[in-house]
Amino acid sequence: MSTSMAARVLSARTEASLSQQQLAKELGINRSAVAQWERLERGTKPSIENLAKIADITGVGFEWLATGRGTSPRRRRSSPHPLAHEQATTEFEVECLQWLRRIPARKHALTTQLLAELASRR
């Protein structure tokens, strides 16, 4: 069964435990725009750029968000990292984890790239 884009945006936002205000802040827009996107009747649709950002922030697949097609709307939950449930063992790890948890979802790829670069042995 196909869902509307409004329903998919709402579903992505709520599954990510974000309020309309929080999503709007992450996107750098007004909350009313998010409310318009989630209106089932006479609502507006987000731009492709905003759809890509919503997909990244909420962790859903872009194709699913944009079209309703795709096998799994929650790409990040489908394959958790094998170390995801390990406890931090040093004070350094604890401090790093505290900072990492504060990084907005839209900056996760950049953060991962930075950490990989810092950890490389060049």
PDB file of N, CA and C in Angstrom:
ATOM      1  N   MET A   1       0.838  -1.183   0.000  1.00  0.00           N
ATOM      2  CA  MET A   1       0.000   0.000   0.000  1.00  0.00           C
ATOM      3  C   MET A   1       0.881   1.244   0.000  1.00  0.00           C
ATOM      4  N   SER A   2       0.645   2.156  -0.883  1.00  0.00           N
ATOM      5  CA  SER A   2       1.435   3.368  -1.002  1.00  0.00           C
ATOM      6  C   SER A   2       0.931   4.430  -0.034  1.00  0.00           C
ATOM      7  N   THR A   3       1.848   5.140   0.563  1.00  0.00           N
ATOM      8  CA  THR A   3       1.482   6.226   1.457  1.00  0.00           C
ATOM      9  C   THR A   3       1.809   7.547   0.791  1.00  0.00           C
ATOM     10  N   SER A   4       1.196   8.598   1.273  1.00  0.00           N
ATOM     11  CA  SER A   4       1.476   9.916   0.725  1.00  0.00           C
ATOM     12  C   SER A   4       2.813  10.419   1.239  1.00  0.00           C
ATOM     13  N   MET A   5       3.373  11.392   0.539  1.00  0.00           N
ATOM     14  CA  MET A   5       4.626  11.976   0.991  1.00  0.00           C
ATOM     15  C   MET A   5       4.443  12.602   2.366  1.00  0.00           C
ATOM     16  N   ALA A   6       3.295  13.235   2.594  1.00  0.00           N
ATOM     17  CA  ALA A   6       3.023  13.844   3.904  1.00  0.00           C
ATOM     18  C   ALA A   6       3.106  12.793   5.006  1.00  0.00           C
ATOM     19  N   ALA A   7       2.519  11.637   4.760  1.00  0.00           N
ATOM     20  CA  ALA A   7       2.542  10.564   5.758  1.00  0.00           C
ATOM     21  C   ALA A   7       3.954  10.027   5.957  1.00  0.00           C
ATOM     22  N   ARG A   8       4.736   9.962   4.887  1.00  0.00           N
ATOM     23  CA  ARG A   8       6.112   9.467   5.007  1.00  0.00           C
ATOM     24  C   ARG A   8       6.990  10.452   5.771  1.00  0.00           C
ATOM     25  N   VAL A   9       6.818  11.741   5.513  1.00  0.00           N
ATOM     26  CA  VAL A   9       7.583  12.757   6.257  1.00  0.00           C
ATOM     27  C   VAL A   9       7.219  12.683   7.736  1.00  0.00           C
ATOM     28  N   LEU A  10       5.934  12.605   8.028  1.00  0.00           N
ATOM     29  CA  LEU A  10       5.481  12.491   9.418  1.00  0.00           C
ATOM     30  C   LEU A  10       6.034  11.229  10.073  1.00  0.00           C
ATOM     31  N   SER A  11       5.974  10.123   9.364  1.00  0.00           N
ATOM     32  CA  SER A  11       6.470   8.857   9.896  1.00  0.00           C
ATOM     33  C   SER A  11       7.972   8.925  10.165  1.00  0.00           C
ATOM     34  N   ALA A  12       8.726   9.467   9.226  1.00  0.00           N
ATOM     35  CA  ALA A  12      10.178   9.577   9.398  1.00  0.00           C
ATOM     36  C   ALA A  12      10.505  10.439  10.609  1.00  0.00           C
ATOM     37  N   ARG A  13       9.811  11.553  10.738  1.00  0.00           N
ATOM     38  CA  ARG A  13      10.063  12.473  11.851  1.00  0.00           C
ATOM     39  C   ARG A  13       9.729  11.840  13.188  1.00  0.00           C
ATOM     40  N   THR A  14       8.568  11.210  13.282  1.00  0.00           N
ATOM     41  CA  THR A  14       8.163  10.632  14.566  1.00  0.00           C
ATOM     42  C   THR A  14       8.998   9.415  14.929  1.00  0.00           C
ATOM     43  N   GLU A  15       9.376   8.597  13.942  1.00  0.00           N
ATOM     44  CA  GLU A  15      10.237   7.444  14.217  1.00  0.00           C
ATOM     45  C   GLU A  15      11.614   7.879  14.709  1.00  0.00           C
ATOM     46  N   ALA A  16      12.047   9.068  14.285  1.00  0.00           N
ATOM     47  CA  ALA A  16      13.330   9.609  14.727  1.00  0.00           C
ATOM     48  C   ALA A  16      13.189  10.366  16.053  1.00  0.00           C
ATOM     49  N   SER A  17      11.976  10.358  16.617  1.00  0.00           N
ATOM     50  CA  SER A  17      11.680  11.035  17.891  1.00  0.00           C
ATOM     51  C   SER A  17      12.003  12.527  17.843  1.00  0.00           C
ATOM     52  N   LEU A  18      11.619  13.153  16.740  1.00  0.00           N
ATOM     53  CA  LEU A  18      11.830  14.587  16.584  1.00  0.00           C
ATOM     54  C   LEU A  18      10.494  15.308  16.552  1.00  0.00           C
ATOM     55  N   SER A  19      10.433  16.462  17.173  1.00  0.00           N
ATOM     56  CA  SER A  19       9.247  17.312  17.051  1.00  0.00           C
ATOM     57  C   SER A  19       9.353  18.077  15.735  1.00  0.00           C
ATOM     58  N   GLN A  20       8.272  18.695  15.332  1.00  0.00           N
ATOM     59  CA  GLN A  20       8.324  19.519  14.128  1.00  0.00           C
ATOM     60  C   GLN A  20       9.352  20.626  14.308  1.00  0.00           C
ATOM     61  N   GLN A  21       9.398  21.213  15.492  1.00  0.00           N
ATOM     62  CA  GLN A  21      10.340  22.296  15.783  1.00  0.00           C
ATOM     63  C   GLN A  21      11.785  21.812  15.685  1.00  0.00           C
ATOM     64  N   GLN A  22      12.058  20.623  16.219  1.00  0.00           N
ATOM     65  CA  GLN A  22      13.422  20.089  16.170  1.00  0.00           C
ATOM     66  C   GLN A  22      13.863  19.812  14.737  1.00  0.00           C
ATOM     67  N   LEU A  23      12.972  19.205  13.949  1.00  0.00           N
ATOM     68  CA  LEU A  23      13.312  18.936  12.550  1.00  0.00           C
ATOM     69  C   LEU A  23      13.535  20.247  11.804  1.00  0.00           C
ATOM     70  N   ALA A  24      12.669  21.209  12.033  1.00  0.00           N
ATOM     71  CA  ALA A  24      12.807  22.513  11.374  1.00  0.00           C
ATOM     72  C   ALA A  24      14.152  23.152  11.723  1.00  0.00           C
ATOM     73  N   LYS A  25      14.533  23.076  12.973  1.00  0.00           N
ATOM     74  CA  LYS A  25      15.812  23.653  13.396  1.00  0.00           C
ATOM     75  C   LYS A  25      16.976  22.969  12.692  1.00  0.00           C
ATOM     76  N   GLU A  26      16.937  21.634  12.600  1.00  0.00           N
ATOM     77  CA  GLU A  26      17.984  20.883  11.908  1.00  0.00           C
ATOM     78  C   GLU A  26      18.071  21.297  10.435  1.00  0.00           C
ATOM     79  N   LEU A  27      16.926  21.597   9.835  1.00  0.00           N
ATOM     80  CA  LEU A  27      16.872  21.966   8.426  1.00  0.00           C
ATOM     81  C   LEU A  27      17.139  23.448   8.187  1.00  0.00           C
ATOM     82  N   GLY A  28      17.066  24.255   9.255  1.00  0.00           N
ATOM     83  CA  GLY A  28      17.244  25.694   9.122  1.00  0.00           C
ATOM     84  C   GLY A  28      16.049  26.382   8.494  1.00  0.00           C
ATOM     85  N   ILE A  29      14.846  25.886   8.837  1.00  0.00           N
ATOM     86  CA  ILE A  29      13.603  26.445   8.287  1.00  0.00           C
ATOM     87  C   ILE A  29      12.622  26.707   9.417  1.00  0.00           C
ATOM     88  N   ASN A  30      11.465  27.260   9.088  1.00  0.00           N
ATOM     89  CA  ASN A  30      10.412  27.488  10.083  1.00  0.00           C
ATOM     90  C   ASN A  30       9.619  26.218  10.342  1.00  0.00           C
ATOM     91  N   ARG A  31       9.131  26.060  11.562  1.00  0.00           N
ATOM     92  CA  ARG A  31       8.325  24.903  11.926  1.00  0.00           C
ATOM     93  C   ARG A  31       7.090  24.798  11.053  1.00  0.00           C
ATOM     94  N   SER A  32       6.545  25.928  10.646  1.00  0.00           N
ATOM     95  CA  SER A  32       5.320  25.905   9.838  1.00  0.00           C
ATOM     96  C   SER A  32       5.538  25.187   8.501  1.00  0.00           C
ATOM     97  N   ALA A  33       6.767  25.215   7.968  1.00  0.00           N
ATOM     98  CA  ALA A  33       7.038  24.498   6.720  1.00  0.00           C
ATOM     99  C   ALA A  33       6.902  22.993   6.944  1.00  0.00           C
ATOM    100  N   VAL A  34       7.424  22.499   8.055  1.00  0.00           N
ATOM    101  CA  VAL A  34       7.301  21.071   8.373  1.00  0.00           C
ATOM    102  C   VAL A  34       5.829  20.718   8.538  1.00  0.00           C
ATOM    103  N   ALA A  35       5.078  21.567   9.222  1.00  0.00           N
ATOM    104  CA  ALA A  35       3.646  21.322   9.406  1.00  0.00           C
ATOM    105  C   ALA A  35       2.933  21.248   8.055  1.00  0.00           C
ATOM    106  N   GLN A  36       3.301  22.119   7.129  1.00  0.00           N
ATOM    107  CA  GLN A  36       2.701  22.102   5.791  1.00  0.00           C
ATOM    108  C   GLN A  36       3.025  20.804   5.047  1.00  0.00           C
ATOM    109  N   TRP A  37       4.257  20.334   5.187  1.00  0.00           N
ATOM    110  CA  TRP A  37       4.659  19.096   4.515  1.00  0.00           C
ATOM    111  C   TRP A  37       3.888  17.898   5.043  1.00  0.00           C
ATOM    112  N   GLU A  38       3.493  17.953   6.318  1.00  0.00           N
ATOM    113  CA  GLU A  38       2.804  16.829   6.942  1.00  0.00           C
ATOM    114  C   GLU A  38       1.281  16.898   6.805  1.00  0.00           C
ATOM    115  N   ARG A  39       0.766  17.939   6.191  1.00  0.00           N
ATOM    116  CA  ARG A  39      -0.680  18.048   5.971  1.00  0.00           C
ATOM    117  C   ARG A  39      -1.103  17.088   4.876  1.00  0.00           C
ATOM    118  N   LEU A  40      -2.089  16.272   5.175  1.00  0.00           N
ATOM    119  CA  LEU A  40      -2.551  15.284   4.202  1.00  0.00           C
ATOM    120  C   LEU A  40      -3.315  15.919   3.051  1.00  0.00           C
ATOM    121  N   GLU A  41      -4.024  16.972   3.330  1.00  0.00           N
ATOM    122  CA  GLU A  41      -4.785  17.658   2.283  1.00  0.00           C
ATOM    123  C   GLU A  41      -4.272  19.075   2.115  1.00  0.00           C
ATOM    124  N   ARG A  42      -4.030  19.460   0.901  1.00  0.00           N
ATOM    125  CA  ARG A  42      -3.588  20.812   0.545  1.00  0.00           C
ATOM    126  C   ARG A  42      -2.275  21.236   1.188  1.00  0.00           C
ATOM    127  N   GLY A  43      -1.454  20.287   1.558  1.00  0.00           N
ATOM    128  CA  GLY A  43      -0.136  20.612   2.082  1.00  0.00           C
ATOM    129  C   GLY A  43       0.838  20.851   0.942  1.00  0.00           C
ATOM    130  N   THR A  44       2.014  21.292   1.295  1.00  0.00           N
ATOM    131  CA  THR A  44       3.066  21.486   0.299  1.00  0.00           C
ATOM    132  C   THR A  44       4.052  20.327   0.382  1.00  0.00           C
ATOM    133  N   LYS A  45       4.936  20.251  -0.591  1.00  0.00           N
ATOM    134  CA  LYS A  45       5.944  19.191  -0.598  1.00  0.00           C
ATOM    135  C   LYS A  45       7.323  19.813  -0.425  1.00  0.00           C
ATOM    136  N   PRO A  46       8.183  19.131   0.311  1.00  0.00           N
ATOM    137  CA  PRO A  46       9.547  19.664   0.469  1.00  0.00           C
ATOM    138  C   PRO A  46      10.315  19.584  -0.850  1.00  0.00           C
ATOM    139  N   SER A  47      11.294  20.457  -0.989  1.00  0.00           N
ATOM    140  CA  SER A  47      12.170  20.419  -2.161  1.00  0.00           C
ATOM    141  C   SER A  47      13.009  19.143  -2.110  1.00  0.00           C
ATOM    142  N   ILE A  48      13.607  18.803  -3.222  1.00  0.00           N
ATOM    143  CA  ILE A  48      14.487  17.635  -3.279  1.00  0.00           C
ATOM    144  C   ILE A  48      15.623  17.800  -2.265  1.00  0.00           C
ATOM    145  N   GLU A  49      16.162  19.007  -2.182  1.00  0.00           N
ATOM    146  CA  GLU A  49      17.242  19.275  -1.225  1.00  0.00           C
ATOM    147  C   GLU A  49      16.783  19.001   0.211  1.00  0.00           C
ATOM    148  N   ASN A  50      15.596  19.486   0.556  1.00  0.00           N
ATOM    149  CA  ASN A  50      15.080  19.243   1.906  1.00  0.00           C
ATOM    150  C   ASN A  50      14.725  17.779   2.120  1.00  0.00           C
ATOM    151  N   LEU A  51      14.226  17.104   1.087  1.00  0.00           N
ATOM    152  CA  LEU A  51      13.955  15.669   1.223  1.00  0.00           C
ATOM    153  C   LEU A  51      15.234  14.905   1.544  1.00  0.00           C
ATOM    154  N   ALA A  52      16.313  15.256   0.858  1.00  0.00           N
ATOM    155  CA  ALA A  52      17.601  14.596   1.115  1.00  0.00           C
ATOM    156  C   ALA A  52      18.055  14.852   2.545  1.00  0.00           C
ATOM    157  N   LYS A  53      17.887  16.082   3.011  1.00  0.00           N
ATOM    158  CA  LYS A  53      18.274  16.418   4.382  1.00  0.00           C
ATOM    159  C   LYS A  53      17.398  15.678   5.395  1.00  0.00           C
ATOM    160  N   ILE A  54      16.097  15.606   5.130  1.00  0.00           N
ATOM    161  CA  ILE A  54      15.183  14.896   6.041  1.00  0.00           C
ATOM    162  C   ILE A  54      15.579  13.426   6.114  1.00  0.00           C
ATOM    163  N   ALA A  55      15.876  12.829   4.963  1.00  0.00           N
ATOM    164  CA  ALA A  55      16.283  11.424   4.939  1.00  0.00           C
ATOM    165  C   ALA A  55      17.534  11.225   5.788  1.00  0.00           C
ATOM    166  N   ASP A  56      18.495  12.113   5.643  1.00  0.00           N
ATOM    167  CA  ASP A  56      19.737  11.995   6.404  1.00  0.00           C
ATOM    168  C   ASP A  56      19.493  12.203   7.900  1.00  0.00           C
ATOM    169  N   ILE A  57      18.758  13.217   8.252  1.00  0.00           N
ATOM    170  CA  ILE A  57      18.502  13.538   9.662  1.00  0.00           C
ATOM    171  C   ILE A  57      17.719  12.434  10.354  1.00  0.00           C
ATOM    172  N   THR A  58      16.724  11.889   9.678  1.00  0.00           N
ATOM    173  CA  THR A  58      15.846  10.898  10.312  1.00  0.00           C
ATOM    174  C   THR A  58      16.303   9.464  10.102  1.00  0.00           C
ATOM    175  N   GLY A  59      17.248   9.255   9.186  1.00  0.00           N
ATOM    176  CA  GLY A  59      17.766   7.917   8.958  1.00  0.00           C
ATOM    177  C   GLY A  59      16.916   7.041   8.069  1.00  0.00           C
ATOM    178  N   VAL A  60      16.072   7.650   7.251  1.00  0.00           N
ATOM    179  CA  VAL A  60      15.278   6.854   6.314  1.00  0.00           C
ATOM    180  C   VAL A  60      15.926   6.900   4.947  1.00  0.00           C
ATOM    181  N   GLY A  61      15.569   5.955   4.094  1.00  0.00           N
ATOM    182  CA  GLY A  61      16.070   5.954   2.734  1.00  0.00           C
ATOM    183  C   GLY A  61      15.437   7.072   1.919  1.00  0.00           C
ATOM    184  N   PHE A  62      16.269   7.749   1.117  1.00  0.00           N
ATOM    185  CA  PHE A  62      15.762   8.849   0.303  1.00  0.00           C
ATOM    186  C   PHE A  62      14.683   8.377  -0.661  1.00  0.00           C
ATOM    187  N   GLU A  63      14.910   7.247  -1.327  1.00  0.00           N
ATOM    188  CA  GLU A  63      13.923   6.758  -2.302  1.00  0.00           C
ATOM    189  C   GLU A  63      12.579   6.517  -1.632  1.00  0.00           C
ATOM    190  N   TRP A  64      12.602   5.896  -0.456  1.00  0.00           N
ATOM    191  CA  TRP A  64      11.353   5.643   0.253  1.00  0.00           C
ATOM    192  C   TRP A  64      10.663   6.959   0.597  1.00  0.00           C
ATOM    193  N   LEU A  65      11.431   7.917   1.112  1.00  0.00           N
ATOM    194  CA  LEU A  65      10.839   9.195   1.504  1.00  0.00           C
ATOM    195  C   LEU A  65      10.246   9.922   0.299  1.00  0.00           C
ATOM    196  N   ALA A  66      10.962   9.919  -0.808  1.00  0.00           N
ATOM    197  CA  ALA A  66      10.517  10.659  -1.993  1.00  0.00           C
ATOM    198  C   ALA A  66       9.409   9.960  -2.769  1.00  0.00           C
ATOM    199  N   THR A  67       9.438   8.614  -2.799  1.00  0.00           N
ATOM    200  CA  THR A  67       8.504   7.906  -3.688  1.00  0.00           C
ATOM    201  C   THR A  67       7.626   6.864  -2.995  1.00  0.00           C
ATOM    202  N   GLY A  68       8.041   6.433  -1.807  1.00  0.00           N
ATOM    203  CA  GLY A  68       7.313   5.354  -1.139  1.00  0.00           C
ATOM    204  C   GLY A  68       7.829   3.989  -1.536  1.00  0.00           C
ATOM    205  N   ARG A  69       8.773   3.947  -2.488  1.00  0.00           N
ATOM    206  CA  ARG A  69       9.362   2.675  -2.912  1.00  0.00           C
ATOM    207  C   ARG A  69      10.626   2.402  -2.115  1.00  0.00           C
ATOM    208  N   GLY A  70      10.973   1.152  -2.037  1.00  0.00           N
ATOM    209  CA  GLY A  70      12.186   0.770  -1.322  1.00  0.00           C
ATOM    210  C   GLY A  70      11.862  -0.324  -0.329  1.00  0.00           C
ATOM    211  N   THR A  71      12.856  -1.093   0.013  1.00  0.00           N
ATOM    212  CA  THR A  71      12.613  -2.251   0.863  1.00  0.00           C
ATOM    213  C   THR A  71      12.539  -1.922   2.337  1.00  0.00           C
ATOM    214  N   SER A  72      13.329  -0.963   2.790  1.00  0.00           N
ATOM    215  CA  SER A  72      13.352  -0.663   4.217  1.00  0.00           C
ATOM    216  C   SER A  72      13.402   0.834   4.445  1.00  0.00           C
ATOM    217  N   PRO A  73      12.356   1.395   5.029  1.00  0.00           N
ATOM    218  CA  PRO A  73      12.387   2.832   5.263  1.00  0.00           C
ATOM    219  C   PRO A  73      13.408   3.247   6.314  1.00  0.00           C
ATOM    220  N   ARG A  74      13.804   2.362   7.210  1.00  0.00           N
ATOM    221  CA  ARG A  74      14.760   2.721   8.269  1.00  0.00           C
ATOM    222  C   ARG A  74      16.111   2.082   7.986  1.00  0.00           C
ATOM    223  N   ARG A  75      16.952   2.727   7.193  1.00  0.00           N
ATOM    224  CA  ARG A  75      18.223   2.123   6.814  1.00  0.00           C
ATOM    225  C   ARG A  75      19.186   1.980   7.975  1.00  0.00           C
ATOM    226  N   ARG A  76      19.209   2.889   8.914  1.00  0.00           N
ATOM    227  CA  ARG A  76      20.184   2.805   9.997  1.00  0.00           C
ATOM    228  C   ARG A  76      19.837   1.732  11.009  1.00  0.00           C
ATOM    229  N   ARG A  77      18.575   1.473  11.215  1.00  0.00           N
ATOM    230  CA  ARG A  77      18.189   0.451  12.176  1.00  0.00           C
ATOM    231  C   ARG A  77      18.327  -0.955  11.613  1.00  0.00           C
ATOM    232  N   SER A  78      18.385  -1.074  10.292  1.00  0.00           N
ATOM    233  CA  SER A  78      18.387  -2.403   9.697  1.00  0.00           C
ATOM    234  C   SER A  78      19.705  -3.137   9.877  1.00  0.00           C
ATOM    235  N   SER A  79      20.808  -2.421  10.045  1.00  0.00           N
ATOM    236  CA  SER A  79      22.094  -3.092  10.210  1.00  0.00           C
ATOM    237  C   SER A  79      22.958  -2.355  11.230  1.00  0.00           C
ATOM    238  N   PRO A  80      22.689  -2.558  12.510  1.00  0.00           N
ATOM    239  CA  PRO A  80      23.466  -1.852  13.524  1.00  0.00           C
ATOM    240  C   PRO A  80      24.919  -2.293  13.493  1.00  0.00           C
ATOM    241  N   HIS A  81      25.786  -1.392  13.862  1.00  0.00           N
ATOM    242  CA  HIS A  81      27.207  -1.686  13.900  1.00  0.00           C
ATOM    243  C   HIS A  81      27.479  -2.717  14.988  1.00  0.00           C
ATOM    244  N   PRO A  82      28.372  -3.691  14.754  1.00  0.00           N
ATOM    245  CA  PRO A  82      28.611  -4.741  15.740  1.00  0.00           C
ATOM    246  C   PRO A  82      29.143  -4.220  17.078  1.00  0.00           C
ATOM    247  N   LEU A  83      29.743  -3.050  17.108  1.00  0.00           N
ATOM    248  CA  LEU A  83      30.279  -2.510  18.358  1.00  0.00           C
ATOM    249  C   LEU A  83      29.320  -1.542  19.042  1.00  0.00           C
ATOM    250  N   ALA A  84      28.139  -1.374  18.497  1.00  0.00           N
ATOM    251  CA  ALA A  84      27.221  -0.354  18.977  1.00  0.00           C
ATOM    252  C   ALA A  84      26.829  -0.505  20.440  1.00  0.00           C
ATOM    253  N   HIS A  85      26.828  -1.711  20.972  1.00  0.00           N
ATOM    254  CA  HIS A  85      26.373  -1.905  22.347  1.00  0.00           C
ATOM    255  C   HIS A  85      27.501  -2.113  23.344  1.00  0.00           C
ATOM    256  N   GLU A  86      28.753  -1.975  22.895  1.00  0.00           N
ATOM    257  CA  GLU A  86      29.874  -2.111  23.814  1.00  0.00           C
ATOM    258  C   GLU A  86      29.962  -0.889  24.718  1.00  0.00           C
ATOM    259  N   GLN A  87      30.446  -1.099  25.915  1.00  0.00           N
ATOM    260  CA  GLN A  87      30.628  -0.014  26.873  1.00  0.00           C
ATOM    261  C   GLN A  87      31.946   0.702  26.601  1.00  0.00           C
ATOM    262  N   ALA A  88      31.956   2.016  26.807  1.00  0.00           N
ATOM    263  CA  ALA A  88      33.208   2.756  26.746  1.00  0.00           C
ATOM    264  C   ALA A  88      34.075   2.293  27.903  1.00  0.00           C
ATOM    265  N   THR A  89      35.366   2.107  27.658  1.00  0.00           N
ATOM    266  CA  THR A  89      36.228   1.533  28.689  1.00  0.00           C
ATOM    267  C   THR A  89      37.232   2.514  29.266  1.00  0.00           C
ATOM    268  N   THR A  90      37.472   3.622  28.592  1.00  0.00           N
ATOM    269  CA  THR A  90      38.426   4.594  29.119  1.00  0.00           C
ATOM    270  C   THR A  90      37.740   5.944  29.270  1.00  0.00           C
ATOM    271  N   GLU A  91      38.336   6.810  30.044  1.00  0.00           N
ATOM    272  CA  GLU A  91      37.796   8.164  30.221  1.00  0.00           C
ATOM    273  C   GLU A  91      37.749   8.892  28.874  1.00  0.00           C
ATOM    274  N   PHE A  92      38.765   8.653  28.036  1.00  0.00           N
ATOM    275  CA  PHE A  92      38.805   9.252  26.703  1.00  0.00           C
ATOM    276  C   PHE A  92      37.589   8.823  25.884  1.00  0.00           C
ATOM    277  N   GLU A  93      37.269   7.523  25.889  1.00  0.00           N
ATOM    278  CA  GLU A  93      36.115   7.021  25.138  1.00  0.00           C
ATOM    279  C   GLU A  93      34.812   7.611  25.667  1.00  0.00           C
ATOM    280  N   VAL A  94      34.695   7.710  26.973  1.00  0.00           N
ATOM    281  CA  VAL A  94      33.487   8.275  27.581  1.00  0.00           C
ATOM    282  C   VAL A  94      33.310   9.720  27.143  1.00  0.00           C
ATOM    283  N   GLU A  95      34.396  10.499  27.213  1.00  0.00           N
ATOM    284  CA  GLU A  95      34.315  11.905  26.825  1.00  0.00           C
ATOM    285  C   GLU A  95      33.984  12.052  25.342  1.00  0.00           C
ATOM    286  N   CYS A  96      34.639  11.243  24.503  1.00  0.00           N
ATOM    287  CA  CYS A  96      34.352  11.295  23.065  1.00  0.00           C
ATOM    288  C   CYS A  96      32.893  10.934  22.782  1.00  0.00           C
ATOM    289  N   LEU A  97      32.401   9.895  23.435  1.00  0.00           N
ATOM    290  CA  LEU A  97      31.019   9.472  23.230  1.00  0.00           C
ATOM    291  C   LEU A  97      30.036  10.573  23.636  1.00  0.00           C
ATOM    292  N   GLN A  98      30.325  11.260  24.719  1.00  0.00           N
ATOM    293  CA  GLN A  98      29.446  12.349  25.147  1.00  0.00           C
ATOM    294  C   GLN A  98      29.378  13.445  24.091  1.00  0.00           C
ATOM    295  N   TRP A  99      30.518  13.781  23.497  1.00  0.00           N
ATOM    296  CA  TRP A  99      30.522  14.796  22.447  1.00  0.00           C
ATOM    297  C   TRP A  99      29.864  14.287  21.174  1.00  0.00           C
ATOM    298  N   LEU A 100      30.133  13.044  20.801  1.00  0.00           N
ATOM    299  CA  LEU A 100      29.549  12.486  19.587  1.00  0.00           C
ATOM    300  C   LEU A 100      28.026  12.472  19.642  1.00  0.00           C
ATOM    301  N   ARG A 101      27.481  12.199  20.792  1.00  0.00           N
ATOM    302  CA  ARG A 101      26.016  12.150  20.932  1.00  0.00           C
ATOM    303  C   ARG A 101      25.366  13.510  20.759  1.00  0.00           C
ATOM    304  N   ARG A 102      26.129  14.569  20.838  1.00  0.00           N
ATOM    305  CA  ARG A 102      25.587  15.932  20.668  1.00  0.00           C
ATOM    306  C   ARG A 102      25.626  16.401  19.220  1.00  0.00           C
ATOM    307  N   ILE A 103      26.282  15.658  18.357  1.00  0.00           N
ATOM    308  CA  ILE A 103      26.430  16.066  16.962  1.00  0.00           C
ATOM    309  C   ILE A 103      25.123  15.826  16.216  1.00  0.00           C
ATOM    310  N   PRO A 104      24.597  16.860  15.538  1.00  0.00           N
ATOM    311  CA  PRO A 104      23.352  16.687  14.781  1.00  0.00           C
ATOM    312  C   PRO A 104      23.522  15.642  13.675  1.00  0.00           C
ATOM    313  N   ALA A 105      22.456  14.957  13.360  1.00  0.00           N
ATOM    314  CA  ALA A 105      22.491  13.890  12.356  1.00  0.00           C
ATOM    315  C   ALA A 105      23.026  14.379  11.020  1.00  0.00           C
ATOM    316  N   ARG A 106      22.759  15.613  10.676  1.00  0.00           N
ATOM    317  CA  ARG A 106      23.209  16.126   9.381  1.00  0.00           C
ATOM    318  C   ARG A 106      24.730  16.227   9.299  1.00  0.00           C
ATOM    319  N   LYS A 107      25.413  16.151  10.440  1.00  0.00           N
ATOM    320  CA  LYS A 107      26.872  16.246  10.457  1.00  0.00           C
ATOM    321  C   LYS A 107      27.552  14.905  10.725  1.00  0.00           C
ATOM    322  N   HIS A 108      26.792  13.814  10.753  1.00  0.00           N
ATOM    323  CA  HIS A 108      27.366  12.504  11.051  1.00  0.00           C
ATOM    324  C   HIS A 108      28.400  12.064  10.019  1.00  0.00           C
ATOM    325  N   ALA A 109      28.112  12.235   8.744  1.00  0.00           N
ATOM    326  CA  ALA A 109      29.054  11.791   7.708  1.00  0.00           C
ATOM    327  C   ALA A 109      30.360  12.566   7.810  1.00  0.00           C
ATOM    328  N   LEU A 110      30.280  13.866   8.016  1.00  0.00           N
ATOM    329  CA  LEU A 110      31.475  14.687   8.156  1.00  0.00           C
ATOM    330  C   LEU A 110      32.278  14.263   9.386  1.00  0.00           C
ATOM    331  N   THR A 111      31.588  13.978  10.478  1.00  0.00           N
ATOM    332  CA  THR A 111      32.260  13.549  11.704  1.00  0.00           C
ATOM    333  C   THR A 111      32.967  12.216  11.501  1.00  0.00           C
ATOM    334  N   THR A 112      32.297  11.285  10.842  1.00  0.00           N
ATOM    335  CA  THR A 112      32.902   9.985  10.573  1.00  0.00           C
ATOM    336  C   THR A 112      34.147  10.145   9.706  1.00  0.00           C
ATOM    337  N   GLN A 113      34.063  10.997   8.707  1.00  0.00           N
ATOM    338  CA  GLN A 113      35.196  11.247   7.828  1.00  0.00           C
ATOM    339  C   GLN A 113      36.357  11.854   8.613  1.00  0.00           C
ATOM    340  N   LEU A 114      36.064  12.815   9.483  1.00  0.00           N
ATOM    341  CA  LEU A 114      37.096  13.445  10.302  1.00  0.00           C
ATOM    342  C   LEU A 114      37.757  12.426  11.226  1.00  0.00           C
ATOM    343  N   LEU A 115      36.961  11.592  11.876  1.00  0.00           N
ATOM    344  CA  LEU A 115      37.527  10.581  12.773  1.00  0.00           C
ATOM    345  C   LEU A 115      38.398   9.577  12.017  1.00  0.00           C
ATOM    346  N   ALA A 116      37.967   9.176  10.842  1.00  0.00           N
ATOM    347  CA  ALA A 116      38.764   8.252  10.031  1.00  0.00           C
ATOM    348  C   ALA A 116      40.103   8.892   9.660  1.00  0.00           C
ATOM    349  N   GLU A 117      40.058  10.166   9.303  1.00  0.00           N
ATOM    350  CA  GLU A 117      41.292  10.873   8.958  1.00  0.00           C
ATOM    351  C   GLU A 117      42.219  10.997  10.170  1.00  0.00           C
ATOM    352  N   LEU A 118      41.666  11.328  11.313  1.00  0.00           N
ATOM    353  CA  LEU A 118      42.472  11.451  12.532  1.00  0.00           C
ATOM    354  C   LEU A 118      43.086  10.110  12.944  1.00  0.00           C
ATOM    355  N   ALA A 119      42.366   9.031  12.680  1.00  0.00           N
ATOM    356  CA  ALA A 119      42.838   7.699  13.093  1.00  0.00           C
ATOM    357  C   ALA A 119      43.797   7.064  12.092  1.00  0.00           C
ATOM    358  N   SER A 120      43.870   7.622  10.874  1.00  0.00           N
ATOM    359  CA  SER A 120      44.744   7.012   9.873  1.00  0.00           C
ATOM    360  C   SER A 120      46.200   7.182  10.284  1.00  0.00           C
ATOM    361  N   ARG A 121      47.034   6.254   9.854  1.00  0.00           N
ATOM    362  CA  ARG A 121      48.438   6.262  10.251  1.00  0.00           C
ATOM    363  C   ARG A 121      49.324   6.813   9.145  1.00  0.00           C
ATOM    364  N   ARG A 122      49.044   7.989   8.720  1.00  0.00           N
ATOM    365  CA  ARG A 122      49.878   8.603   7.680  1.00  0.00           C
ATOM    366  C   ARG A 122      50.946   9.453   8.294  1.00  0.00           C
TER     367      ARG A 122
END
